[in-house]
Amino acid sequence: RGLNMMVAGLADLARSNRAATADLNAAAAEIRASAQEQAASVEEQFAAVQETAATVDEITHSGAQISKRASEVIATAQATAKTSRQGLRAVSDTAQAMDAIREQAEAVAGNIVGVSEKTQAIGEIIESVNDISERTHLLALNAAIEAAAAGESGRS
């Protein structure tokens, strides 16, 4: 009887152990499933981190290219500004030269007007001299005629 009770107690203990083992196996399965889900989640996060790192690398590379192109644009803009300043100086120099030429042309025009007036005055003087010359020529002709008419004594 004591033995039967011990066997019955051991049977209960074995059933309890089996139930605890079954519960333990179920808990272990749940833990395994949870660990597998966490592992999958970690892999997804790792892939996302790698993708983010690749994106950051691309952005960094793009930023470097943009910076390089911006530097090139700045250099081109500076060269253009320098060329523009030189062009403005050349235009200013040309304008000054044209003003000087205009002033010289006005001076030449004034000289031409003066020469024209003097030429006109000279022409009037020449006309007067020609008129005087014609009259002198007529007077000389008249004197020669009178001298010829006066004879030997009129010659002197």
Protein backbone atom coordinates (compact mmCIF):
# COMPACT_ATOMS: atom_id res chain seq x y z
CA ARG A 1 0.00 0.00 0.00
CA GLY A 2 2.79 2.36 0.87
CA LEU A 3 4.47 1.24 -2.26
CA ASN A 4 1.32 1.74 -4.27
CA MET A 5 0.95 5.18 -2.83
CA MET A 6 4.52 5.93 -3.65
CA VAL A 7 3.98 4.61 -7.17
CA ALA A 8 0.82 6.71 -7.40
CA GLY A 9 2.75 9.76 -6.08
CA LEU A 10 5.53 9.08 -8.53
CA ALA A 11 2.97 8.72 -11.32
CA ASP A 12 1.48 12.08 -10.31
CA LEU A 13 4.95 13.52 -10.16
CA ALA A 14 5.72 12.06 -13.59
CA ARG A 15 2.47 13.58 -14.95
CA SER A 16 3.36 16.89 -13.34
CA ASN A 17 6.83 16.65 -14.83
CA ARG A 18 5.36 15.83 -18.24
CA ALA A 19 2.94 18.77 -17.98
CA ALA A 20 5.77 21.06 -16.82
CA THR A 21 7.96 19.72 -19.63
CA ALA A 22 5.16 20.30 -22.13
CA ASP A 23 4.71 23.81 -20.74
CA LEU A 24 8.46 24.30 -20.83
CA ASN A 25 8.59 23.03 -24.44
CA ALA A 26 5.74 25.40 -25.38
CA ALA A 27 7.51 28.30 -23.68
CA ALA A 28 10.79 27.36 -25.40
CA ALA A 29 8.94 27.25 -28.75
CA GLU A 30 7.48 30.67 -28.06
CA ILE A 31 10.92 31.99 -27.07
CA ARG A 32 12.42 30.43 -30.23
CA ALA A 33 9.67 32.01 -32.38
CA SER A 34 10.20 35.36 -30.65
CA ALA A 35 13.97 35.10 -31.15
CA GLN A 36 13.47 34.27 -34.82
CA GLU A 37 11.15 37.28 -35.21
CA GLN A 38 13.72 39.48 -33.48
CA ALA A 39 16.47 38.07 -35.71
CA ALA A 40 14.36 38.84 -38.78
CA SER A 41 13.68 42.32 -37.42
CA VAL A 42 17.40 42.85 -36.77
CA GLU A 43 18.20 41.73 -40.34
CA GLU A 44 15.62 44.18 -41.70
CA GLN A 45 17.06 46.95 -39.55
CA PHE A 46 20.57 46.05 -40.69
CA ALA A 47 19.46 46.18 -44.33
CA ALA A 48 17.77 49.55 -43.67
CA VAL A 49 20.95 50.85 -41.99
CA GLN A 50 23.06 49.68 -44.94
CA GLU A 51 20.64 51.34 -47.37
CA THR A 52 20.74 54.53 -45.30
CA ALA A 53 24.55 54.42 -45.26
CA ALA A 54 24.60 53.96 -49.04
CA THR A 55 22.20 56.89 -49.42
CA VAL A 56 24.38 59.04 -47.16
CA ASP A 57 27.42 58.09 -49.27
CA GLU A 58 25.56 59.06 -52.44
CA ILE A 59 24.44 62.35 -50.88
CA THR A 60 28.01 63.05 -49.76
CA HIS A 61 29.31 62.27 -53.24
CA SER A 62 26.60 64.42 -54.82
CA GLY A 63 27.41 67.22 -52.37
CA ALA A 64 31.09 67.04 -53.35
CA GLN A 65 30.16 67.18 -57.04
CA ILE A 66 27.81 70.10 -56.40
CA SER A 67 30.53 71.88 -54.44
CA LYS A 68 33.02 71.28 -57.26
CA ARG A 69 30.56 72.54 -59.87
CA ALA A 70 29.72 75.54 -57.70
CA SER A 71 33.44 76.34 -57.47
CA GLU A 72 33.70 76.07 -61.25
CA VAL A 73 30.67 78.35 -61.67
CA ILE A 74 32.20 80.85 -59.23
CA ALA A 75 35.50 80.78 -61.14
CA THR A 76 33.64 81.27 -64.43
CA ALA A 77 31.60 84.10 -62.94
CA GLN A 78 34.76 85.77 -61.64
CA ALA A 79 36.43 85.44 -65.04
CA THR A 80 33.31 86.85 -66.69
CA ALA A 81 33.24 89.76 -64.23
CA LYS A 82 36.93 90.46 -64.92
CA THR A 83 36.32 90.35 -68.67
CA SER A 84 33.30 92.62 -68.24
CA ARG A 85 35.37 95.12 -66.26
CA GLN A 86 38.03 95.05 -68.99
CA GLY A 87 35.31 95.52 -71.60
CA LEU A 88 33.87 98.48 -69.68
CA ARG A 89 37.35 100.01 -69.44
CA ALA A 90 37.82 99.50 -73.18
CA VAL A 91 34.43 101.09 -73.90
CA SER A 92 35.30 104.01 -71.59
CA ASP A 93 38.71 104.42 -73.30
CA THR A 94 37.00 104.28 -76.70
CA ALA A 95 34.46 106.89 -75.62
CA GLN A 96 37.27 109.15 -74.40
CA ALA A 97 39.16 108.65 -77.66
CA MET A 98 36.00 109.42 -79.62
CA ASP A 99 35.49 112.60 -77.54
CA ALA A 100 39.08 113.62 -78.28
CA ILE A 101 38.55 112.90 -81.99
CA ARG A 102 35.31 114.90 -81.92
CA GLU A 103 37.12 117.82 -80.27
CA GLN A 104 39.92 117.59 -82.85
CA ALA A 105 37.35 117.39 -85.66
CA GLU A 106 35.61 120.48 -84.28
CA ALA A 107 38.97 122.26 -84.10
CA VAL A 108 39.76 121.20 -87.69
CA ALA A 109 36.30 122.33 -88.77
CA GLY A 110 36.93 125.69 -87.05
CA ASN A 111 40.30 125.92 -88.82
CA ILE A 112 38.66 125.06 -92.13
CA VAL A 113 36.05 127.77 -91.57
CA GLY A 114 38.86 130.21 -90.73
CA VAL A 115 40.85 129.13 -93.80
CA SER A 116 37.70 129.40 -95.89
CA GLU A 117 37.10 132.95 -94.64
CA LYS A 118 40.76 133.84 -95.28
CA THR A 119 40.55 132.21 -98.72
CA GLN A 120 37.47 134.28 -99.44
CA ALA A 121 39.30 137.41 -98.23
CA ILE A 122 42.33 136.45 -100.35
CA GLY A 123 40.00 135.90 -103.29
CA GLU A 124 38.59 139.40 -102.77
CA ILE A 125 42.13 140.80 -102.52
CA ILE A 126 43.13 138.94 -105.68
CA GLU A 127 40.06 140.30 -107.40
CA SER A 128 41.00 143.80 -106.26
CA VAL A 129 44.63 143.25 -107.39
CA ASN A 130 43.39 141.94 -110.74
CA ASP A 131 41.11 144.97 -111.06
CA ILE A 132 44.01 147.28 -110.12
CA SER A 133 46.25 145.35 -112.51
CA GLU A 134 43.77 145.78 -115.36
CA ARG A 135 43.48 149.48 -114.58
CA THR A 136 47.28 149.81 -114.29
CA HIS A 137 47.62 147.97 -117.56
CA LEU A 138 45.11 150.35 -119.14
CA LEU A 139 46.93 153.33 -117.64
CA ALA A 140 50.25 152.01 -118.94
CA LEU A 141 48.69 151.47 -122.36
CA ASN A 142 47.27 154.97 -122.26
CA ALA A 143 50.66 156.33 -121.16
CA ALA A 144 52.38 154.42 -123.97
CA ILE A 145 49.89 155.78 -126.46
CA GLU A 146 50.39 159.32 -125.13
CA ALA A 147 54.17 158.86 -125.20
CA ALA A 148 54.01 157.61 -128.76
CA ALA A 149 51.84 160.57 -129.70
CA ALA A 150 54.22 163.00 -127.98
CA GLY A 151 57.14 161.64 -129.91
CA GLU A 152 60.75 161.85 -128.86
CA SER A 153 60.15 164.34 -126.10
CA GLY A 154 57.21 162.29 -124.70
CA ARG A 155 59.29 159.23 -124.30
CA SER A 156 60.85 160.27 -121.13
